[in-house]
Amino acid sequence: MAEGRSGDDVVSEFLQQNPHLVQWVESLAGESETEKQWSARREFILRNMEGFPTIQPGSPSPSLDRLISLSMVWANHIFLGCRYPQPVMDKITEMAEGIAIQNAPTHKTRDEIMGMSKDASKKPKPGVGYRAKTGPTLQAPKEHQPFFNRLYKAIAWKLVSAGGFGPNIDHFEILRTCVESAKASLGCVFVPLKDIPDLPAGRAQQGGLVCELRCQTVYLGTGYGRGEDSARAMAAKEALKLFQSRKVTVKIFRRKYSGRDVEDLVLHDDQMRNSSFPPALSYPFDPE
């Protein structure tokens, strides 16, 4: 594709020259994506198609799945601030060369956010006109429920084909492939165990990482491990346990985040085994 012009101009010209690709590429848009997010991800896909010569538009293939997955990882990084293993970050950075995002959001690390929170706690409370970070709207669970109903069916069939839920399956891979088949992506947040507040003293001294999994801002599960892979695998295992019930439901629960109570969207099963959750590692809701 041509360089040196705006992304919309480049994509428009390319699609005018290749009209047979228009309907196919638009079918790859995610249901929850904004126009800005999809416009950027579409450009990522089209710019990198020549690097996947086995892709045949309109036909599913492992190469197409990989390109779509990489495009989602890149979009998650740009628009949601997600971080991935360095080889993956290097790969998507290389693939995104030449793509310009107008008014791209900026993201702060957890350490920066914690520092800001400490500074803010030293200042007097602001008066009228200040709006704190908002939680989910009352309509949010209903809005998210149709997606998770579809995801429930996809995971149920995947587990059947894998021989059922058990210790010998790749829990994260099953969860990831089902989420991506529904044109969404998983968000992973890793935090050193020692940095999590409100832990018992003995546990807080242990090493390792804690991983939190979300999908479409909805909390799925938390896992602990010595490294990112093991922590992510345990979080995925906890998330898949939800899909063993008769149904899953998106609900609003109160959770601890940075030492304070916040409202969070949580995926819950119908057995209501437990309504207490680990401390939240991320709080996805934007200020108004």
C-alpha atoms as a PDB file:
ATOM      1  CA  MET A   1       0.000   0.000   0.000  1.00  0.00           C
ATOM      2  CA  ALA A   2       1.150   3.572  -0.663  1.00  0.00           C
ATOM      3  CA  GLU A   3       2.933   5.561   2.038  1.00  0.00           C
ATOM      4  CA  GLY A   4       3.038   9.247   2.954  1.00  0.00           C
ATOM      5  CA  ARG A   5      -0.683   9.993   3.108  1.00  0.00           C
ATOM      6  CA  SER A   6      -3.349   9.676   5.766  1.00  0.00           C
ATOM      7  CA  GLY A   7      -4.463   6.162   6.628  1.00  0.00           C
ATOM      8  CA  ASP A   8      -8.018   6.779   5.405  1.00  0.00           C
ATOM      9  CA  ASP A   9      -6.745   8.005   2.037  1.00  0.00           C
ATOM     10  CA  VAL A  10      -4.433   5.023   1.616  1.00  0.00           C
ATOM     11  CA  VAL A  11      -7.137   2.513   2.556  1.00  0.00           C
ATOM     12  CA  SER A  12      -9.779   4.179   0.382  1.00  0.00           C
ATOM     13  CA  GLU A  13      -7.516   4.178  -2.666  1.00  0.00           C
ATOM     14  CA  PHE A  14      -6.470   0.564  -2.077  1.00  0.00           C
ATOM     15  CA  LEU A  15     -10.087  -0.599  -1.757  1.00  0.00           C
ATOM     16  CA  GLN A  16     -11.087   1.337  -4.885  1.00  0.00           C
ATOM     17  CA  GLN A  17      -8.387  -0.558  -6.740  1.00  0.00           C
ATOM     18  CA  ASN A  18      -9.456  -3.845  -5.155  1.00  0.00           C
ATOM     19  CA  PRO A  19     -13.266  -3.656  -4.842  1.00  0.00           C
ATOM     20  CA  HIS A  20     -13.528  -7.412  -4.360  1.00  0.00           C
ATOM     21  CA  LEU A  21     -11.937  -6.970  -0.915  1.00  0.00           C
ATOM     22  CA  VAL A  22     -14.430  -4.431   0.442  1.00  0.00           C
ATOM     23  CA  GLN A  23     -17.154  -6.778   1.689  1.00  0.00           C
ATOM     24  CA  TRP A  24     -14.656  -9.325   2.966  1.00  0.00           C
ATOM     25  CA  VAL A  25     -12.540  -6.916   4.993  1.00  0.00           C
ATOM     26  CA  GLU A  26     -15.611  -5.249   6.515  1.00  0.00           C
ATOM     27  CA  SER A  27     -16.751  -8.672   7.750  1.00  0.00           C
ATOM     28  CA  LEU A  28     -13.661  -8.742   9.976  1.00  0.00           C
ATOM     29  CA  ALA A  29     -14.792  -5.762  12.079  1.00  0.00           C
ATOM     30  CA  GLY A  30     -15.533  -6.511  15.729  1.00  0.00           C
ATOM     31  CA  GLU A  31     -18.966  -5.862  17.162  1.00  0.00           C
ATOM     32  CA  SER A  32     -17.630  -3.771  20.043  1.00  0.00           C
ATOM     33  CA  GLU A  33     -15.132  -1.708  18.033  1.00  0.00           C
ATOM     34  CA  THR A  34     -15.600   1.991  17.543  1.00  0.00           C
ATOM     35  CA  GLU A  35     -15.234   3.386  14.030  1.00  0.00           C
ATOM     36  CA  LYS A  36     -11.841   4.817  14.977  1.00  0.00           C
ATOM     37  CA  GLN A  37     -10.583   1.490  16.304  1.00  0.00           C
ATOM     38  CA  TRP A  38     -11.835  -0.460  13.310  1.00  0.00           C
ATOM     39  CA  SER A  39     -10.446   2.059  10.837  1.00  0.00           C
ATOM     40  CA  ALA A  40      -6.990   1.652  12.363  1.00  0.00           C
ATOM     41  CA  ARG A  41      -7.176  -2.129  12.599  1.00  0.00           C
ATOM     42  CA  ARG A  42      -8.472  -2.412   9.017  1.00  0.00           C
ATOM     43  CA  GLU A  43      -5.435  -0.467   7.826  1.00  0.00           C
ATOM     44  CA  PHE A  44      -3.190  -2.797   9.845  1.00  0.00           C
ATOM     45  CA  ILE A  45      -4.776  -5.841   8.186  1.00  0.00           C
ATOM     46  CA  LEU A  46      -4.591  -4.473   4.639  1.00  0.00           C
ATOM     47  CA  ARG A  47      -1.011  -3.240   5.009  1.00  0.00           C
ATOM     48  CA  ASN A  48       0.138  -6.667   6.177  1.00  0.00           C
ATOM     49  CA  MET A  49      -1.814  -8.975   3.887  1.00  0.00           C
ATOM     50  CA  GLU A  50       1.111  -9.361   1.499  1.00  0.00           C
ATOM     51  CA  GLY A  51       3.126 -10.799   4.377  1.00  0.00           C
ATOM     52  CA  PHE A  52       0.595 -13.666   4.571  1.00  0.00           C
ATOM     53  CA  PRO A  53       0.484 -14.890   0.949  1.00  0.00           C
ATOM     54  CA  THR A  54      -1.641 -17.937   1.784  1.00  0.00           C
ATOM     55  CA  ILE A  55      -4.611 -15.785   2.824  1.00  0.00           C
ATOM     56  CA  GLN A  56      -7.526 -16.156   0.440  1.00  0.00           C
ATOM     57  CA  PRO A  57     -10.203 -13.497   1.094  1.00  0.00           C
ATOM     58  CA  GLY A  58     -13.454 -15.186   2.007  1.00  0.00           C
ATOM     59  CA  SER A  59     -11.788 -18.437   3.095  1.00  0.00           C
ATOM     60  CA  PRO A  60     -10.787 -19.204   6.683  1.00  0.00           C
ATOM     61  CA  SER A  61      -7.175 -20.202   7.243  1.00  0.00           C
ATOM     62  CA  PRO A  62      -4.545 -20.302  10.016  1.00  0.00           C
ATOM     63  CA  SER A  63      -2.730 -17.409   8.311  1.00  0.00           C
ATOM     64  CA  LEU A  64      -5.868 -15.257   8.397  1.00  0.00           C
ATOM     65  CA  ASP A  65      -6.455 -16.176  12.054  1.00  0.00           C
ATOM     66  CA  ARG A  66      -2.899 -15.133  12.883  1.00  0.00           C
ATOM     67  CA  LEU A  67      -3.159 -11.819  11.046  1.00  0.00           C
ATOM     68  CA  ILE A  68      -6.476 -11.003  12.730  1.00  0.00           C
ATOM     69  CA  SER A  69      -5.039 -11.954  16.133  1.00  0.00           C
ATOM     70  CA  LEU A  70      -2.023  -9.704  15.595  1.00  0.00           C
ATOM     71  CA  SER A  71      -4.286  -6.856  14.518  1.00  0.00           C
ATOM     72  CA  MET A  72      -6.337  -7.257  17.714  1.00  0.00           C
ATOM     73  CA  VAL A  73      -3.217  -7.380  19.870  1.00  0.00           C
ATOM     74  CA  TRP A  74      -1.961  -4.186  18.227  1.00  0.00           C
ATOM     75  CA  ALA A  75      -5.328  -2.436  18.653  1.00  0.00           C
ATOM     76  CA  ASN A  76      -5.485  -3.520  22.312  1.00  0.00           C
ATOM     77  CA  HIS A  77      -2.053  -2.038  22.859  1.00  0.00           C
ATOM     78  CA  ILE A  78      -2.849   1.253  21.105  1.00  0.00           C
ATOM     79  CA  PHE A  79      -6.364   1.873  22.400  1.00  0.00           C
ATOM     80  CA  LEU A  80      -6.465  -0.030  25.715  1.00  0.00           C
ATOM     81  CA  GLY A  81      -2.844   0.122  26.812  1.00  0.00           C
ATOM     82  CA  CYS A  82      -2.426  -3.676  27.005  1.00  0.00           C
ATOM     83  CA  ARG A  83       1.120  -5.022  27.205  1.00  0.00           C
ATOM     84  CA  TYR A  84       2.328  -8.332  25.798  1.00  0.00           C
ATOM     85  CA  PRO A  85       5.610 -10.295  25.827  1.00  0.00           C
ATOM     86  CA  GLN A  86       8.408  -8.275  24.223  1.00  0.00           C
ATOM     87  CA  PRO A  87       8.737 -10.458  21.081  1.00  0.00           C
ATOM     88  CA  VAL A  88       5.035  -9.863  20.389  1.00  0.00           C
ATOM     89  CA  MET A  89       5.391  -6.134  21.027  1.00  0.00           C
ATOM     90  CA  ASP A  90       8.342  -5.997  18.630  1.00  0.00           C
ATOM     91  CA  LYS A  91       6.366  -7.874  15.988  1.00  0.00           C
ATOM     92  CA  ILE A  92       3.269  -5.675  16.060  1.00  0.00           C
ATOM     93  CA  THR A  93       5.396  -2.506  16.193  1.00  0.00           C
ATOM     94  CA  GLU A  94       7.156  -3.596  13.028  1.00  0.00           C
ATOM     95  CA  MET A  95       3.881  -4.511  11.319  1.00  0.00           C
ATOM     96  CA  ALA A  96       2.303  -1.173  12.263  1.00  0.00           C
ATOM     97  CA  GLU A  97       5.092   0.934  10.768  1.00  0.00           C
ATOM     98  CA  GLY A  98       3.596   3.755   8.722  1.00  0.00           C
ATOM     99  CA  ILE A  99       0.186   3.713  10.430  1.00  0.00           C
ATOM    100  CA  ALA A 100      -0.662   7.070  11.993  1.00  0.00           C
ATOM    101  CA  ILE A 101      -3.352   7.271  14.677  1.00  0.00           C
ATOM    102  CA  GLN A 102      -4.861  10.721  15.134  1.00  0.00           C
ATOM    103  CA  ASN A 103      -5.376  11.683  18.796  1.00  0.00           C
ATOM    104  CA  ALA A 104      -4.284   8.254  20.018  1.00  0.00           C
ATOM    105  CA  PRO A 105      -5.046   7.697  23.707  1.00  0.00           C
ATOM    106  CA  THR A 106      -2.150   7.797  26.153  1.00  0.00           C
ATOM    107  CA  HIS A 107      -1.785   5.163  28.837  1.00  0.00           C
ATOM    108  CA  LYS A 108       0.037   5.270  32.141  1.00  0.00           C
ATOM    109  CA  THR A 109       1.762   2.392  33.884  1.00  0.00           C
ATOM    110  CA  ARG A 110       0.365   1.083  37.134  1.00  0.00           C
ATOM    111  CA  ASP A 111       3.301   2.637  39.003  1.00  0.00           C
ATOM    112  CA  GLU A 112       2.497   6.044  37.477  1.00  0.00           C
ATOM    113  CA  ILE A 113      -1.165   5.696  38.416  1.00  0.00           C
ATOM    114  CA  MET A 114      -0.289   4.680  41.984  1.00  0.00           C
ATOM    115  CA  GLY A 115       2.037   7.695  42.218  1.00  0.00           C
ATOM    116  CA  MET A 116      -0.733  10.007  41.028  1.00  0.00           C
ATOM    117  CA  SER A 117      -3.131   8.493  43.572  1.00  0.00           C
ATOM    118  CA  LYS A 118      -0.668   9.143  46.405  1.00  0.00           C
ATOM    119  CA  ASP A 119      -0.172  12.748  45.285  1.00  0.00           C
ATOM    120  CA  ALA A 120      -3.907  13.306  44.988  1.00  0.00           C
ATOM    121  CA  SER A 121      -4.502  11.964  48.498  1.00  0.00           C
ATOM    122  CA  LYS A 122      -2.359  14.796  49.882  1.00  0.00           C
ATOM    123  CA  LYS A 123      -4.474  17.500  48.253  1.00  0.00           C
ATOM    124  CA  PRO A 124      -7.794  18.890  49.519  1.00  0.00           C
ATOM    125  CA  LYS A 125     -10.876  17.427  47.903  1.00  0.00           C
ATOM    126  CA  PRO A 126     -12.005  19.382  44.868  1.00  0.00           C
ATOM    127  CA  GLY A 127     -15.262  21.230  44.949  1.00  0.00           C
ATOM    128  CA  VAL A 128     -18.248  21.289  42.650  1.00  0.00           C
ATOM    129  CA  GLY A 129     -17.494  20.402  39.054  1.00  0.00           C
ATOM    130  CA  TYR A 130     -15.093  17.531  39.757  1.00  0.00           C
ATOM    131  CA  ARG A 131     -16.215  14.174  38.450  1.00  0.00           C
ATOM    132  CA  ALA A 132     -14.489  11.089  39.802  1.00  0.00           C
ATOM    133  CA  LYS A 133     -13.712   8.041  37.717  1.00  0.00           C
ATOM    134  CA  THR A 134     -16.990   6.414  36.859  1.00  0.00           C
ATOM    135  CA  GLY A 135     -18.012   2.797  37.122  1.00  0.00           C
ATOM    136  CA  PRO A 136     -20.214   0.781  34.784  1.00  0.00           C
ATOM    137  CA  THR A 137     -23.653   2.107  33.939  1.00  0.00           C
ATOM    138  CA  LEU A 138     -26.706   0.206  35.090  1.00  0.00           C
ATOM    139  CA  GLN A 139     -27.344  -0.767  31.453  1.00  0.00           C
ATOM    140  CA  ALA A 140     -23.827  -2.157  30.938  1.00  0.00           C
ATOM    141  CA  PRO A 141     -24.520  -5.770  32.049  1.00  0.00           C
ATOM    142  CA  LYS A 142     -27.486  -6.019  29.686  1.00  0.00           C
ATOM    143  CA  GLU A 143     -25.456  -4.539  26.834  1.00  0.00           C
ATOM    144  CA  HIS A 144     -22.632  -7.058  27.309  1.00  0.00           C
ATOM    145  CA  GLN A 145     -24.805 -10.127  27.941  1.00  0.00           C
ATOM    146  CA  PRO A 146     -25.507 -11.105  24.271  1.00  0.00           C
ATOM    147  CA  PHE A 147     -21.790 -11.342  23.518  1.00  0.00           C
ATOM    148  CA  PHE A 148     -21.128 -13.602  26.511  1.00  0.00           C
ATOM    149  CA  ASN A 149     -24.107 -15.782  25.624  1.00  0.00           C
ATOM    150  CA  ARG A 150     -22.431 -16.433  22.262  1.00  0.00           C
ATOM    151  CA  LEU A 151     -19.059 -16.942  23.916  1.00  0.00           C
ATOM    152  CA  TYR A 152     -20.630 -19.437  26.318  1.00  0.00           C
ATOM    153  CA  LYS A 153     -21.818 -21.583  23.399  1.00  0.00           C
ATOM    154  CA  ALA A 154     -18.452 -21.367  21.628  1.00  0.00           C
ATOM    155  CA  ILE A 155     -16.533 -22.436  24.736  1.00  0.00           C
ATOM    156  CA  ALA A 156     -19.003 -25.214  25.537  1.00  0.00           C
ATOM    157  CA  TRP A 157     -18.496 -26.764  22.104  1.00  0.00           C
ATOM    158  CA  LYS A 158     -14.734 -26.269  22.293  1.00  0.00           C
ATOM    159  CA  LEU A 159     -14.551 -28.053  25.632  1.00  0.00           C
ATOM    160  CA  VAL A 160     -16.648 -30.940  24.311  1.00  0.00           C
ATOM    161  CA  SER A 161     -14.274 -31.374  21.377  1.00  0.00           C
ATOM    162  CA  ALA A 162     -11.302 -31.216  23.786  1.00  0.00           C
ATOM    163  CA  GLY A 163     -12.746 -33.996  25.945  1.00  0.00           C
ATOM    164  CA  GLY A 164     -14.102 -31.766  28.688  1.00  0.00           C
ATOM    165  CA  PHE A 165     -12.640 -29.468  31.302  1.00  0.00           C
ATOM    166  CA  GLY A 166      -9.534 -30.954  32.870  1.00  0.00           C
ATOM    167  CA  PRO A 167      -5.900 -30.407  33.842  1.00  0.00           C
ATOM    168  CA  ASN A 168      -4.481 -31.594  30.516  1.00  0.00           C
ATOM    169  CA  ILE A 169      -6.037 -28.970  28.248  1.00  0.00           C
ATOM    170  CA  ASP A 170      -4.538 -25.595  27.347  1.00  0.00           C
ATOM    171  CA  HIS A 171      -7.015 -23.406  29.194  1.00  0.00           C
ATOM    172  CA  PHE A 172      -5.682 -20.111  27.883  1.00  0.00           C
ATOM    173  CA  GLU A 173      -5.576 -21.274  24.269  1.00  0.00           C
ATOM    174  CA  ILE A 174      -9.178 -22.484  24.417  1.00  0.00           C
ATOM    175  CA  LEU A 175     -10.333 -19.217  25.960  1.00  0.00           C
ATOM    176  CA  ARG A 176      -8.299 -17.111  23.519  1.00  0.00           C
ATOM    177  CA  THR A 177      -9.436 -18.895  20.355  1.00  0.00           C
ATOM    178  CA  CYS A 178     -13.097 -18.789  21.386  1.00  0.00           C
ATOM    179  CA  VAL A 179     -12.911 -15.087  22.242  1.00  0.00           C
ATOM    180  CA  GLU A 180     -11.216 -14.278  18.936  1.00  0.00           C
ATOM    181  CA  SER A 181     -13.728 -16.388  16.992  1.00  0.00           C
ATOM    182  CA  ALA A 182     -16.338 -14.024  18.444  1.00  0.00           C
ATOM    183  CA  LYS A 183     -14.298 -11.089  17.021  1.00  0.00           C
ATOM    184  CA  ALA A 184     -13.108  -9.876  20.399  1.00  0.00           C
ATOM    185  CA  SER A 185      -9.848 -10.154  22.297  1.00  0.00           C
ATOM    186  CA  LEU A 186      -8.577 -10.880  25.777  1.00  0.00           C
ATOM    187  CA  GLY A 187      -6.928  -8.220  27.884  1.00  0.00           C
ATOM    188  CA  CYS A 188      -4.148  -9.388  30.223  1.00  0.00           C
ATOM    189  CA  VAL A 189      -2.739  -7.315  33.080  1.00  0.00           C
ATOM    190  CA  PHE A 190       0.274  -8.546  35.062  1.00  0.00           C
ATOM    191  CA  VAL A 191       1.263  -7.139  38.454  1.00  0.00           C
ATOM    192  CA  PRO A 192       3.972  -8.405  40.844  1.00  0.00           C
ATOM    193  CA  LEU A 193       2.327 -10.074  43.807  1.00  0.00           C
ATOM    194  CA  LYS A 194       4.282  -7.895  46.224  1.00  0.00           C
ATOM    195  CA  ASP A 195       2.704  -4.749  44.713  1.00  0.00           C
ATOM    196  CA  ILE A 196      -0.887  -5.751  45.493  1.00  0.00           C
ATOM    197  CA  PRO A 197      -2.281  -4.003  48.607  1.00  0.00           C
ATOM    198  CA  ASP A 198      -4.316  -5.664  51.353  1.00  0.00           C
ATOM    199  CA  LEU A 199      -2.657  -9.094  51.056  1.00  0.00           C
ATOM    200  CA  PRO A 200      -1.797 -11.089  54.195  1.00  0.00           C
ATOM    201  CA  ALA A 201       1.764 -10.313  55.281  1.00  0.00           C
ATOM    202  CA  GLY A 202       3.089 -13.816  54.581  1.00  0.00           C
ATOM    203  CA  ARG A 203       1.571 -13.991  51.109  1.00  0.00           C
ATOM    204  CA  ALA A 204       2.751 -10.509  50.178  1.00  0.00           C
ATOM    205  CA  GLN A 205       6.375 -11.574  50.685  1.00  0.00           C
ATOM    206  CA  GLN A 206       6.137 -14.268  48.008  1.00  0.00           C
ATOM    207  CA  GLY A 207       7.510 -13.707  44.539  1.00  0.00           C
ATOM    208  CA  GLY A 208       5.677 -14.172  41.268  1.00  0.00           C
ATOM    209  CA  LEU A 209       3.043 -12.422  39.230  1.00  0.00           C
ATOM    210  CA  VAL A 210      -0.716 -12.062  39.317  1.00  0.00           C
ATOM    211  CA  CYS A 211      -2.630 -11.993  36.029  1.00  0.00           C
ATOM    212  CA  GLU A 212      -6.092 -10.523  35.511  1.00  0.00           C
ATOM    213  CA  LEU A 213      -8.102 -11.411  32.400  1.00  0.00           C
ATOM    214  CA  ARG A 214     -10.812  -9.209  30.925  1.00  0.00           C
ATOM    215  CA  CYS A 215     -12.870  -9.275  27.765  1.00  0.00           C
ATOM    216  CA  GLN A 216     -14.782  -6.196  26.611  1.00  0.00           C
ATOM    217  CA  THR A 217     -13.961  -4.607  30.005  1.00  0.00           C
ATOM    218  CA  VAL A 218     -15.682  -7.496  31.848  1.00  0.00           C
ATOM    219  CA  TYR A 219     -13.596  -9.243  34.519  1.00  0.00           C
ATOM    220  CA  LEU A 220     -13.143 -12.984  33.885  1.00  0.00           C
ATOM    221  CA  GLY A 221     -10.569 -14.308  36.320  1.00  0.00           C
ATOM    222  CA  THR A 222      -7.328 -13.922  38.236  1.00  0.00           C
ATOM    223  CA  GLY A 223      -4.376 -16.318  38.454  1.00  0.00           C
ATOM    224  CA  TYR A 224      -1.019 -16.484  40.213  1.00  0.00           C
ATOM    225  CA  GLY A 225       2.227 -17.916  38.822  1.00  0.00           C
ATOM    226  CA  ARG A 226       5.989 -17.613  38.936  1.00  0.00           C
ATOM    227  CA  GLY A 227       5.992 -16.088  35.449  1.00  0.00           C
ATOM    228  CA  GLU A 228       3.573 -14.555  32.935  1.00  0.00           C
ATOM    229  CA  ASP A 229       2.724 -17.852  31.201  1.00  0.00           C
ATOM    230  CA  SER A 230       1.849 -19.705  34.401  1.00  0.00           C
ATOM    231  CA  ALA A 231      -0.089 -16.768  35.863  1.00  0.00           C
ATOM    232  CA  ARG A 232      -2.066 -16.350  32.640  1.00  0.00           C
ATOM    233  CA  ALA A 233      -2.769 -20.077  32.455  1.00  0.00           C
ATOM    234  CA  MET A 234      -4.176 -20.089  36.008  1.00  0.00           C
ATOM    235  CA  ALA A 235      -6.316 -17.028  35.290  1.00  0.00           C
ATOM    236  CA  ALA A 236      -7.697 -18.702  32.155  1.00  0.00           C
ATOM    237  CA  LYS A 237      -8.433 -21.879  34.122  1.00  0.00           C
ATOM    238  CA  GLU A 238     -10.422 -19.863  36.665  1.00  0.00           C
ATOM    239  CA  ALA A 239     -12.289 -18.117  33.856  1.00  0.00           C
ATOM    240  CA  LEU A 240     -13.172 -21.391  32.104  1.00  0.00           C
ATOM    241  CA  LYS A 241     -14.630 -22.763  35.328  1.00  0.00           C
ATOM    242  CA  LEU A 242     -17.431 -20.228  34.929  1.00  0.00           C
ATOM    243  CA  PHE A 243     -18.450 -21.830  31.649  1.00  0.00           C
ATOM    244  CA  GLN A 244     -19.053 -25.199  33.348  1.00  0.00           C
ATOM    245  CA  SER A 245     -22.340 -23.910  34.746  1.00  0.00           C
ATOM    246  CA  ARG A 246     -25.667 -23.735  32.954  1.00  0.00           C
ATOM    247  CA  LYS A 247     -25.183 -20.088  32.029  1.00  0.00           C
ATOM    248  CA  VAL A 248     -22.984 -17.086  32.662  1.00  0.00           C
ATOM    249  CA  THR A 249     -24.223 -13.646  33.585  1.00  0.00           C
ATOM    250  CA  VAL A 250     -22.609 -10.208  33.498  1.00  0.00           C
ATOM    251  CA  LYS A 251     -23.202  -8.427  36.806  1.00  0.00           C
ATOM    252  CA  ILE A 252     -21.954  -5.422  38.723  1.00  0.00           C
ATOM    253  CA  PHE A 253     -20.020  -6.238  41.891  1.00  0.00           C
ATOM    254  CA  ARG A 254     -17.984  -4.183  44.303  1.00  0.00           C
ATOM    255  CA  ARG A 255     -14.253  -5.011  44.330  1.00  0.00           C
ATOM    256  CA  LYS A 256     -11.137  -3.612  45.919  1.00  0.00           C
ATOM    257  CA  TYR A 257      -8.951  -1.514  43.613  1.00  0.00           C
ATOM    258  CA  SER A 258      -5.859   0.267  44.958  1.00  0.00           C
ATOM    259  CA  GLY A 259      -7.228  -0.096  48.470  1.00  0.00           C
ATOM    260  CA  ARG A 260     -10.705   1.333  47.785  1.00  0.00           C
ATOM    261  CA  ASP A 261     -14.078  -0.119  46.804  1.00  0.00           C
ATOM    262  CA  VAL A 262     -15.156   0.270  43.183  1.00  0.00           C
ATOM    263  CA  GLU A 263     -17.948  -1.124  41.060  1.00  0.00           C
ATOM    264  CA  ASP A 264     -16.793  -3.505  38.354  1.00  0.00           C
ATOM    265  CA  LEU A 265     -18.353  -5.576  35.599  1.00  0.00           C
ATOM    266  CA  VAL A 266     -17.858  -9.244  36.428  1.00  0.00           C
ATOM    267  CA  LEU A 267     -18.769 -12.457  34.602  1.00  0.00           C
ATOM    268  CA  HIS A 268     -20.524 -14.735  37.060  1.00  0.00           C
ATOM    269  CA  ASP A 269     -21.929 -18.246  36.881  1.00  0.00           C
ATOM    270  CA  ASP A 270     -25.416 -19.290  37.968  1.00  0.00           C
ATOM    271  CA  GLN A 271     -24.294 -21.313  40.972  1.00  0.00           C
ATOM    272  CA  MET A 272     -23.405 -18.228  43.036  1.00  0.00           C
ATOM    273  CA  ARG A 273     -20.596 -20.116  44.791  1.00  0.00           C
ATOM    274  CA  ASN A 274     -18.791 -16.953  45.782  1.00  0.00           C
ATOM    275  CA  SER A 275     -19.399 -13.244  45.450  1.00  0.00           C
ATOM    276  CA  SER A 276     -16.009 -12.153  46.847  1.00  0.00           C
ATOM    277  CA  PHE A 277     -13.241 -11.508  44.345  1.00  0.00           C
ATOM    278  CA  PRO A 278      -9.498 -10.867  44.367  1.00  0.00           C
ATOM    279  CA  PRO A 279      -8.422  -7.209  44.277  1.00  0.00           C
ATOM    280  CA  ALA A 280      -8.810  -5.680  40.820  1.00  0.00           C
ATOM    281  CA  LEU A 281      -5.547  -5.114  38.968  1.00  0.00           C
ATOM    282  CA  SER A 282      -7.102  -2.776  36.399  1.00  0.00           C
ATOM    283  CA  TYR A 283     -10.059  -0.422  36.358  1.00  0.00           C
ATOM    284  CA  PRO A 284     -11.168   0.053  32.748  1.00  0.00           C
ATOM    285  CA  PHE A 285     -13.765   2.770  33.112  1.00  0.00           C
ATOM    286  CA  ASP A 286     -12.861   6.235  31.851  1.00  0.00           C
ATOM    287  CA  PRO A 287     -13.558   9.526  33.592  1.00  0.00           C
ATOM    288  CA  GLU A 288     -16.581  11.384  32.283  1.00  0.00           C
END
